[in-house]
Protein backbone atom coordinates (compact mmCIF):
# COMPACT_ATOMS: atom_id res chain seq x y z
CA MET A 1 -0.04 -0.04 -0.01
CA TYR A 2 1.04 3.61 -0.51
CA LEU A 3 2.63 3.95 2.94
CA ALA A 4 4.05 0.42 2.80
CA ASP A 5 4.66 -0.16 -0.87
CA ARG A 6 8.28 0.50 -1.81
CA SER A 7 7.94 -0.16 -5.50
CA ALA A 8 7.52 2.48 -8.18
CA PRO A 9 3.97 3.25 -9.31
CA ALA A 10 2.50 1.45 -12.27
CA GLY A 11 3.55 2.88 -15.57
CA ALA A 12 6.78 4.47 -14.22
CA LYS A 13 10.14 3.74 -15.85
CA PRO A 14 12.36 1.10 -14.25
CA ALA A 15 14.48 2.25 -11.37
CA PRO A 16 17.94 3.41 -12.44
CA ASP A 17 21.07 1.75 -11.15
CA ARG A 18 22.51 2.88 -7.83
CA GLY A 19 25.15 5.08 -9.32
CA SER A 20 22.62 7.17 -11.27
CA VAL A 21 20.27 7.22 -8.28
CA ARG A 22 22.99 8.87 -6.19
CA ALA A 23 23.76 11.32 -9.01
CA ALA A 24 20.08 12.34 -9.29
CA ALA A 25 19.27 12.17 -5.59
CA VAL A 26 18.43 15.87 -5.36
CA ALA A 27 17.11 17.74 -8.37
CA PRO A 28 18.12 21.42 -8.86
CA THR A 29 14.47 22.39 -8.42
CA VAL A 30 14.46 20.79 -4.97
CA LEU A 31 17.62 22.68 -3.96
CA ALA A 32 16.25 25.98 -5.22
CA LEU A 33 12.93 25.53 -3.47
CA GLY A 34 14.77 24.43 -0.35
CA THR A 35 16.70 27.72 -0.39
CA VAL A 36 13.55 29.73 -0.79
CA SER A 37 11.93 27.86 2.09
CA LEU A 38 15.03 28.30 4.25
CA ILE A 39 14.96 32.09 3.78
CA THR A 40 11.21 32.33 4.23
CA ASP A 41 11.20 30.18 7.31
CA ILE A 42 13.80 32.46 8.94
CA SER A 43 11.34 35.23 8.43
CA SER A 44 8.26 33.32 9.54
CA GLU A 45 9.84 31.63 12.59
CA MET A 46 11.18 34.95 13.85
CA VAL A 47 7.54 36.01 14.26
CA THR A 48 6.28 32.60 15.34
CA ALA A 49 8.89 32.28 18.12
CA VAL A 50 7.81 35.47 19.85
CA LEU A 51 4.12 35.44 19.05
CA PRO A 52 2.79 33.32 21.89
CA LEU A 53 4.60 35.31 24.50
CA TYR A 54 3.75 38.63 22.77
CA LEU A 55 0.01 37.78 22.72
CA ILE A 56 -0.28 36.19 26.13
CA ALA A 57 2.20 38.20 28.21
CA GLY A 58 2.08 41.41 26.18
CA LEU A 59 -1.54 41.68 25.15
CA GLY A 60 -2.99 39.58 27.98
CA LEU A 61 -4.70 36.99 25.81
CA SER A 62 -6.15 33.95 27.58
CA PRO A 63 -5.15 30.40 26.59
CA LEU A 64 -8.61 29.95 25.07
CA GLY A 65 -8.18 33.15 23.04
CA PHE A 66 -4.75 32.15 21.95
CA GLY A 67 -6.03 28.67 20.95
CA ALA A 68 -8.73 30.32 18.80
CA LEU A 69 -6.21 32.63 17.15
CA ASP A 70 -3.68 29.85 16.67
CA GLY A 71 -6.43 27.69 15.13
CA VAL A 72 -7.45 30.46 12.78
CA TYR A 73 -3.78 31.05 11.99
CA ASN A 74 -3.53 27.47 10.69
CA GLY A 75 -7.09 26.96 9.54
CA VAL A 76 -7.03 29.79 6.98
CA SER A 77 -3.90 28.30 5.49
CA ALA A 78 -5.66 24.92 5.26
CA LEU A 79 -8.74 26.33 3.43
CA VAL A 80 -6.59 28.25 0.94
CA GLN A 81 -4.49 25.15 0.13
CA LEU A 82 -7.32 23.77 -1.93
CA THR A 83 -7.49 26.97 -3.96
CA GLY A 84 -3.77 27.12 -4.47
CA GLY A 85 -3.47 23.48 -5.44
CA HIS A 86 -6.37 23.52 -7.94
CA LEU A 87 -5.28 26.89 -9.40
CA ALA A 88 -1.76 25.65 -9.98
CA ASP A 89 -3.06 22.49 -11.75
CA ARG A 90 -5.53 24.51 -13.76
CA VAL A 91 -3.12 27.16 -15.08
CA ARG A 92 -0.35 24.52 -15.28
CA ASN A 93 2.16 26.88 -13.69
CA HIS A 94 3.12 25.81 -10.24
CA LYS A 95 5.86 28.34 -9.85
CA LEU A 96 3.48 31.29 -10.55
CA VAL A 97 0.96 30.30 -7.89
CA ALA A 98 3.74 29.48 -5.37
CA GLY A 99 5.26 32.92 -6.09
CA LEU A 100 1.91 34.62 -5.37
CA GLY A 101 1.75 32.87 -2.04
CA TYR A 102 5.33 33.79 -1.05
CA GLY A 103 4.75 37.36 -2.18
CA LEU A 104 1.55 37.82 -0.14
CA SER A 105 3.22 36.50 3.02
CA ALA A 106 6.18 38.85 2.49
CA LEU A 107 3.86 41.88 2.09
CA CYS A 108 2.15 41.04 5.42
CA LYS A 109 5.37 41.09 7.49
CA PRO A 110 5.85 44.89 7.57
CA LEU A 111 2.15 45.31 8.48
CA LEU A 112 2.87 43.75 11.81
CA LEU A 113 4.75 46.97 12.68
CA PHE A 114 1.48 48.81 12.68
CA ALA A 115 -0.76 46.19 14.23
CA HIS A 116 -0.83 46.68 18.04
CA SER A 117 -4.28 45.31 18.80
CA LEU A 118 -5.61 41.79 18.71
CA GLY A 119 -8.02 42.52 15.91
CA ALA A 120 -5.36 44.05 13.65
CA ILE A 121 -2.89 41.27 14.35
CA SER A 122 -5.56 38.73 13.52
CA VAL A 123 -6.24 40.29 10.13
CA VAL A 124 -2.46 40.44 9.30
CA LEU A 125 -1.88 36.86 10.39
CA THR A 126 -4.88 35.70 8.36
CA LEU A 127 -3.51 37.28 5.21
CA GLU A 128 -0.04 35.84 5.95
CA ARG A 129 -1.50 32.38 6.30
CA THR A 130 -3.44 32.87 3.07
CA GLY A 131 -0.05 33.28 1.33
CA LYS A 132 1.24 30.12 3.03
CA GLY A 133 -1.82 28.23 1.86
CA LEU A 134 -1.39 29.38 -1.71
CA ARG A 135 2.21 28.27 -1.96
CA THR A 136 2.30 24.96 -0.11
CA ALA A 137 0.65 22.58 -2.58
CA PRO A 138 2.31 24.06 -5.69
CA ARG A 139 5.72 23.96 -4.05
CA ASP A 140 5.32 20.30 -3.01
CA ALA A 141 3.99 19.53 -6.48
CA LEU A 142 7.15 21.05 -8.00
CA ILE A 143 9.30 18.84 -5.71
CA SER A 144 7.46 15.66 -6.62
CA LEU A 145 7.29 16.41 -10.36
CA SER A 146 11.03 16.96 -10.50
CA THR A 147 11.97 13.73 -8.65
CA PRO A 148 11.69 10.10 -9.68
CA PRO A 149 9.23 8.11 -7.49
CA GLU A 150 11.80 5.96 -5.79
CA LEU A 151 13.60 9.06 -4.44
CA GLN A 152 10.70 11.24 -3.38
CA GLY A 153 11.02 10.48 0.32
CA ARG A 154 14.63 11.64 0.18
CA ALA A 155 13.72 14.70 -1.89
CA PHE A 156 11.05 15.84 0.54
CA GLY A 157 13.49 15.10 3.36
CA VAL A 158 16.13 17.34 1.81
CA HIS A 159 13.62 20.12 1.29
CA ARG A 160 12.30 19.80 4.85
CA ALA A 161 15.86 19.86 6.20
CA MET A 162 16.61 23.06 4.42
CA ASP A 163 13.23 24.42 5.51
CA THR A 164 14.04 23.49 9.06
CA THR A 165 17.41 25.19 8.86
CA GLY A 166 15.37 28.37 8.53
CA ALA A 167 13.19 27.28 11.40
CA LEU A 168 16.36 26.87 13.41
CA LEU A 169 17.85 30.22 12.55
CA GLY A 170 14.61 32.20 12.89
CA PRO A 171 14.06 31.85 16.64
CA LEU A 172 17.82 32.44 17.17
CA ALA A 173 17.61 35.68 15.25
CA ALA A 174 14.56 36.67 17.24
CA PHE A 175 16.33 35.90 20.52
CA LEU A 176 19.30 37.98 19.55
CA ILE A 177 17.23 40.92 18.37
CA LEU A 178 15.14 40.90 21.61
CA SER A 179 18.42 40.89 23.52
CA VAL A 180 19.84 43.98 21.90
CA ALA A 181 16.97 46.07 20.63
CA VAL A 182 15.13 48.63 22.70
CA ASP A 183 11.77 48.08 21.01
CA GLY A 184 12.31 44.35 20.58
CA TYR A 185 9.07 43.12 19.07
CA ASP A 186 8.97 45.82 16.40
CA ALA A 187 12.56 45.12 15.54
CA VAL A 188 11.79 41.45 15.07
CA PHE A 189 8.86 42.25 12.77
CA GLY A 190 10.96 44.73 10.69
CA VAL A 191 13.86 42.30 10.09
CA SER A 192 11.41 39.57 9.33
CA ALA A 193 9.90 41.64 6.56
CA CYS A 194 13.30 42.21 4.90
CA VAL A 195 14.20 38.49 5.01
CA ALA A 196 10.84 37.55 3.49
CA ALA A 197 11.40 39.92 0.57
CA LEU A 198 14.75 38.21 -0.08
CA GLY A 199 13.05 34.82 -0.26
CA VAL A 200 10.74 36.09 -3.00
CA VAL A 201 13.68 37.34 -5.02
CA VAL A 202 15.41 33.96 -4.79
CA LEU A 203 12.26 32.23 -6.02
CA VAL A 204 11.84 34.46 -9.01
CA LEU A 205 15.50 34.26 -10.09
CA PHE A 206 16.49 30.64 -9.29
CA VAL A 207 13.47 28.31 -9.27
CA PRO A 208 12.87 26.86 -12.76
CA SER A 209 9.42 27.46 -14.28
CA GLY A 210 8.99 23.97 -15.69
CA ASP A 211 7.81 20.91 -13.72
CA GLY A 212 11.10 19.00 -14.17
CA ASP A 213 11.45 15.26 -14.78
CA PRO A 214 8.17 13.86 -16.18
CA ARG A 215 8.65 10.52 -14.41
CA PRO A 216 7.22 11.08 -11.03
CA GLY A 217 4.27 8.75 -10.91
CA PRO A 218 0.89 7.69 -12.28
CA ARG A 219 -0.20 9.68 -15.29
CA THR A 220 -3.79 8.62 -15.46
CA ARG A 221 -6.70 10.79 -14.24
CA PRO A 222 -9.11 9.55 -11.56
CA PRO A 223 -12.17 7.70 -12.91
CA ARG A 224 -14.51 10.02 -14.79
CA PRO A 225 -16.53 9.87 -18.01
CA THR A 226 -14.28 9.72 -21.04
CA ARG A 227 -14.50 12.30 -23.72
CA PRO A 228 -13.29 11.99 -27.28
CA PRO A 229 -9.95 13.80 -27.83
CA ARG A 230 -10.24 17.20 -29.38
CA GLN A 231 -7.92 17.59 -32.44
CA ARG A 232 -7.23 20.65 -34.50
CA THR A 233 -6.68 20.38 -38.12
CA SER A 234 -4.19 22.59 -39.93
CA ASP A 235 -4.80 24.16 -43.30
CA ASP A 236 -3.33 21.23 -45.16
CA GLY A 237 -5.56 18.80 -43.31
CA ALA A 238 -3.00 17.33 -40.85
CA ALA A 239 -4.09 16.91 -37.25
CA ALA A 240 -2.43 19.30 -34.84
CA ALA A 241 -1.07 18.03 -31.53
CA GLU A 242 -3.72 17.52 -28.90
CA ARG A 243 -3.82 20.05 -26.13
CA PRO A 244 -4.05 18.71 -22.51
CA ALA A 245 -7.59 18.71 -21.26
CA PRO A 246 -8.21 21.54 -18.76
CA VAL A 247 -8.33 20.52 -15.15
CA ARG A 248 -11.89 20.91 -13.82
CA LEU A 249 -13.19 21.11 -10.30
CA ARG A 250 -14.97 17.80 -10.58
CA ASP A 251 -11.69 16.20 -11.57
CA ALA A 252 -10.23 17.38 -8.32
CA LEU A 253 -13.16 16.07 -6.34
CA GLY A 254 -12.88 12.83 -8.25
CA LEU A 255 -9.50 12.22 -6.50
CA LEU A 256 -11.44 11.25 -3.41
CA ARG A 257 -12.67 8.17 -5.28
CA LEU A 258 -9.07 6.83 -5.27
CA PRO A 259 -9.13 4.45 -2.28
CA ARG A 260 -5.50 4.93 -1.33
CA LEU A 261 -5.73 8.70 -1.32
CA ARG A 262 -8.99 8.65 0.58
CA ASN A 263 -7.50 6.41 3.28
CA LEU A 264 -4.47 8.68 3.55
CA ALA A 265 -6.67 11.74 3.96
CA VAL A 266 -8.77 10.08 6.66
CA CYS A 267 -5.70 9.12 8.66
CA ALA A 268 -4.18 12.54 8.32
CA VAL A 269 -7.36 14.10 9.70
CA LEU A 270 -7.66 11.60 12.59
CA LEU A 271 -4.11 12.16 13.70
CA GLY A 272 -4.35 15.95 13.21
CA LEU A 273 -7.26 16.07 15.60
CA THR A 274 -5.02 14.96 18.44
CA THR A 275 -1.76 16.75 17.49
CA VAL A 276 -1.30 19.66 19.90
CA SER A 277 0.12 22.70 18.21
CA ASP A 278 3.75 23.56 18.59
CA ALA A 279 2.98 26.80 20.42
CA PHE A 280 1.01 24.93 23.08
CA VAL A 281 3.79 22.30 23.43
CA TYR A 282 6.30 25.10 24.15
CA LEU A 283 3.93 26.80 26.61
CA LEU A 284 3.36 23.57 28.41
CA LEU A 285 7.09 22.84 28.54
CA GLN A 286 7.79 26.29 29.92
CA ARG A 287 5.18 25.97 32.64
CA ARG A 288 6.21 22.42 33.51
CA THR A 289 9.99 23.25 33.83
CA GLY A 290 9.89 26.90 34.85
CA ILE A 291 11.91 28.14 31.92
CA GLY A 292 12.25 31.96 31.97
CA ASP A 293 10.49 34.17 29.48
CA GLN A 294 13.74 35.36 27.99
CA TRP A 295 14.57 31.80 26.93
CA PHE A 296 11.17 31.02 25.47
CA PRO A 297 12.08 32.00 21.86
CA LEU A 298 14.82 29.38 21.90
CA LEU A 299 12.52 26.44 22.59
CA PRO A 300 11.66 25.88 18.86
CA LEU A 301 15.40 25.55 18.25
CA GLY A 302 15.45 22.14 19.97
CA THR A 303 12.67 20.83 17.76
CA ALA A 304 14.23 22.30 14.64
CA ALA A 305 17.74 21.01 15.36
CA VAL A 306 16.50 17.42 15.67
CA PHE A 307 14.28 17.87 12.64
CA LEU A 308 17.20 19.12 10.64
CA LEU A 309 19.48 16.21 11.60
CA LEU A 310 16.89 13.49 10.92
CA ALA A 311 14.71 14.79 8.03
CA VAL A 312 16.90 13.34 5.26
CA PRO A 313 17.63 9.99 7.01
CA ALA A 314 13.96 9.56 7.85
CA GLY A 315 12.84 10.24 4.23
CA ALA A 316 15.44 7.78 2.85
CA LEU A 317 14.43 5.21 5.47
CA ALA A 318 10.79 5.66 4.39
CA ASP A 319 11.78 4.98 0.76
CA ARG A 320 13.61 1.85 1.79
CA ILE A 321 11.48 0.16 4.50
CA GLY A 322 8.02 1.64 3.81
CA ARG A 323 6.39 4.93 4.58
CA ARG A 324 3.68 3.47 6.84
CA THR A 325 6.21 2.21 9.39
CA VAL A 326 8.09 5.57 9.59
CA PHE A 327 4.90 7.60 9.64
CA LEU A 328 3.29 5.73 12.54
CA THR A 329 6.60 5.57 14.39
CA GLY A 330 6.70 9.33 14.29
CA HIS A 331 3.31 9.60 16.08
CA ALA A 332 4.47 7.05 18.65
CA LEU A 333 7.40 9.39 19.40
CA LEU A 334 5.07 12.31 19.81
CA LEU A 335 2.92 10.28 22.20
CA ALA A 336 6.14 9.58 24.21
CA GLY A 337 6.72 13.41 24.39
CA TYR A 338 3.23 13.86 25.74
CA ALA A 339 3.88 11.16 28.34
CA LEU A 340 7.01 12.89 29.52
CA LEU A 341 5.20 16.20 29.96
CA LEU A 342 2.56 14.47 31.98
CA TRP A 343 4.40 12.00 34.18
CA ALA A 344 8.17 12.35 34.03
CA PRO A 345 9.95 13.60 37.14
CA ASP A 346 11.44 17.08 37.12
CA LEU A 347 14.80 16.21 35.68
CA PRO A 348 17.27 18.74 34.18
CA ALA A 349 17.13 16.76 30.95
CA LEU A 350 13.34 16.84 30.60
CA PRO A 351 13.24 19.89 28.22
CA TYR A 352 15.85 18.31 25.93
CA LEU A 353 14.03 14.99 25.81
CA VAL A 354 10.71 16.51 25.04
CA LEU A 355 12.07 18.74 22.30
CA ALA A 356 14.11 15.82 20.82
CA LEU A 357 10.94 13.64 20.60
CA HIS A 358 9.07 16.56 19.12
CA GLY A 359 11.75 17.01 16.38
CA MET A 360 11.79 13.25 15.67
CA PHE A 361 8.06 13.32 15.21
CA TYR A 362 8.30 15.97 12.50
CA ALA A 363 11.26 14.23 10.83
CA ALA A 364 9.26 11.01 10.52
CA THR A 365 6.02 12.55 9.24
CA ASP A 366 6.35 16.01 7.63
CA GLY A 367 8.08 14.89 4.44
CA VAL A 368 6.85 11.27 4.48
CA LEU A 369 3.18 12.17 4.13
CA PRO A 370 3.46 14.29 0.93
CA ALA A 371 5.79 11.66 -0.55
CA ALA A 372 3.09 9.04 0.05
CA VAL A 373 0.43 11.33 -1.44
CA ALA A 374 2.57 12.06 -4.53
CA ALA A 375 2.81 8.33 -5.20
CA THR A 376 -1.01 7.99 -5.48
CA VAL A 377 -2.01 11.08 -7.41
CA PRO A 378 -1.86 11.62 -11.20
CA ALA A 379 0.76 14.06 -12.30
CA GLU A 380 -1.72 16.48 -13.81
CA LEU A 381 -3.57 16.73 -10.47
CA ARG A 382 -0.53 16.49 -8.22
CA ALA A 383 -0.97 19.90 -6.47
CA THR A 384 -4.63 19.33 -5.96
CA GLY A 385 -4.10 15.92 -4.36
CA LEU A 386 -1.44 17.29 -2.05
CA ALA A 387 -3.73 20.13 -1.15
CA LEU A 388 -6.66 17.78 -0.32
CA VAL A 389 -4.63 15.87 2.25
CA GLY A 390 -2.86 18.92 3.53
CA THR A 391 -6.15 20.79 3.96
CA GLY A 392 -7.77 17.95 5.86
CA GLN A 393 -4.77 17.69 8.21
CA ALA A 394 -4.54 21.41 8.83
CA LEU A 395 -8.25 21.76 9.47
CA ALA A 396 -8.06 18.96 11.99
CA ARG A 397 -5.22 20.69 13.76
CA PHE A 398 -7.29 23.87 13.72
CA GLY A 399 -10.00 21.96 15.63
CA CYS A 400 -7.35 20.55 17.99
CA SER A 401 -6.12 24.07 18.75
CA LEU A 402 -9.61 25.24 19.64
CA ALA A 403 -10.40 22.13 21.69
CA PHE A 404 -7.10 22.13 23.55
CA GLY A 405 -7.32 25.84 24.36
CA ALA A 406 -10.83 25.29 25.72
CA ALA A 407 -9.71 22.25 27.72
CA TRP A 408 -6.76 24.09 29.14
CA THR A 409 -9.06 26.90 30.26
CA LEU A 410 -11.64 24.61 31.81
CA TRP A 411 -9.64 21.67 33.17
CA GLY A 412 -6.06 22.84 33.39
CA THR A 413 -2.93 21.67 31.48
CA GLY A 414 -2.77 18.13 32.95
CA LEU A 415 -6.20 16.90 32.01
CA ALA A 416 -6.15 18.69 28.66
CA LEU A 417 -2.85 16.99 27.63
CA ALA A 418 -3.99 13.63 29.02
CA ALA A 419 -7.11 13.84 26.84
CA ALA A 420 -4.95 14.66 23.80
CA ALA A 421 -2.61 11.75 24.49
CA ALA A 422 -5.48 9.28 24.88
CA GLY A 423 -6.96 10.49 21.62
CA LEU A 424 -3.66 10.25 19.81
CA LEU A 425 -3.21 6.67 21.00
CA CYS A 426 -6.63 5.65 19.70
CA CYS A 427 -6.29 7.49 16.39
CA ALA A 428 -2.85 5.99 15.74
CA ALA A 429 -4.23 2.51 16.28
CA VAL A 430 -7.01 3.22 13.74
CA ALA A 431 -4.45 4.65 11.26
CA GLY A 432 -2.31 1.54 11.63
CA PHE A 433 -5.22 -0.58 10.70
CA VAL A 434 -6.40 1.56 7.78
CA LEU A 435 -2.90 1.90 6.30
CA ARG A 436 -2.02 -1.78 6.69
CA PRO A 437 -0.50 -3.36 3.58
CA ALA A 438 -2.96 -4.99 1.23
CA ALA A 439 -3.07 -8.72 1.56
CA PRO A 440 -1.73 -10.59 -1.47
CA ALA A 441 -4.34 -12.17 -3.66
CA LEU A 442 -4.69 -15.99 -3.23
CA PRO A 443 -4.18 -18.08 -6.32
CA LEU A 444 -7.23 -19.74 -7.78
CA PRO A 445 -7.33 -23.52 -7.25
CA LEU A 446 -6.49 -25.59 -10.30
CA PRO A 447 -9.28 -27.76 -11.66
CA ASP A 448 -9.11 -31.48 -10.80
CA PRO A 449 -8.61 -33.39 -14.09
CA ASN A 450 -10.01 -36.59 -12.51
CA ARG A 451 -13.28 -34.83 -11.62
CA THR A 452 -16.03 -34.69 -14.21
CA GLY A 453 -19.47 -33.22 -14.26
CA SER A 454 -20.86 -30.23 -12.48
CA PRO A 455 -20.54 -29.81 -8.69
């Protein structure tokens, strides 16, 4: 099955020998997009690292209010992913749509300098997440369309490692700016705007416009009524080359009739419903261990450092032993992190252990899931398929943010996290069953030559 099957999709060319696989392990498009993501993530994570503390300690927002804002922050991105994915497939220009998303996010960063109320910040963050939603599916489609199917786990791992390098540098930059600047938060927002603009410039100049290697996976559309091909005839009577059929909305919805993609989407939603957002994990860790406010922006560095070290090995391991195993192992590691926050004694190593497990969770899931989706979706609908699964997962995490914020307000941190851990355990068990490898078909019994007549 897609998370357990290690063979190339039907219709793909045979796998190259090991020497050529090593030579083509990372396509130039992947490296260019990784550089753009690295720069953009420095900008985004500078803001993300200080945002929880700024809203709760600075503006006096309650955990429930922060949960609602954090959910909206991610939920808007989820809803727009569908638009970005379908638009990129429809206009057949993934770079253009991705560029619009990166540009919109960059334009929102300087607006944070003028937003000093909760309402204004909510509007700016909503627009910034709209840009993220527009760019995510076209960017991942460019990665998968430029990479052979047997190397897509590695390719997504390389991209996520470069992206995480930005996530590592962003909080560090925010910490340094807060340490030396008089008006620290405004300084963070201003530097973030400049870095975001640089990311857009790199995208325009260095990311190829084409979709790269045409070998990435299945080329057939999902089941739908067939139409006779439209052919144009030149003046001398010869038939002109057929143009690709336009991608329609019902083609995108037809992807949900693919059983493997539908199962993937269901499991992504179930697990997303019990995945506590990063901001809440860091706030819980701070309250559990008593970490000072001045060190709070550095907490994401622990997650990012582990993610950076393990993203490529985890992607390569998923290509080799099966994506289902790596994907479910990642959620088991997250569950272990929840358990440490709930029941571990107050050891000096506790923050490091929790952040290490958090980073291992992302290394085992963040790139493996889109690689699995890419192996099941036709090339002409690749961005749409990635957006469908990504939207379902992000909307589920939006619901989790709302529910966890409400549970924290009503029950306190302990009961809220215990409920999330119990839910994650149940959902992971369901996902393990749904994503199990398909049983091999049993051979039909041979007829008995000594038996005559009807049974």
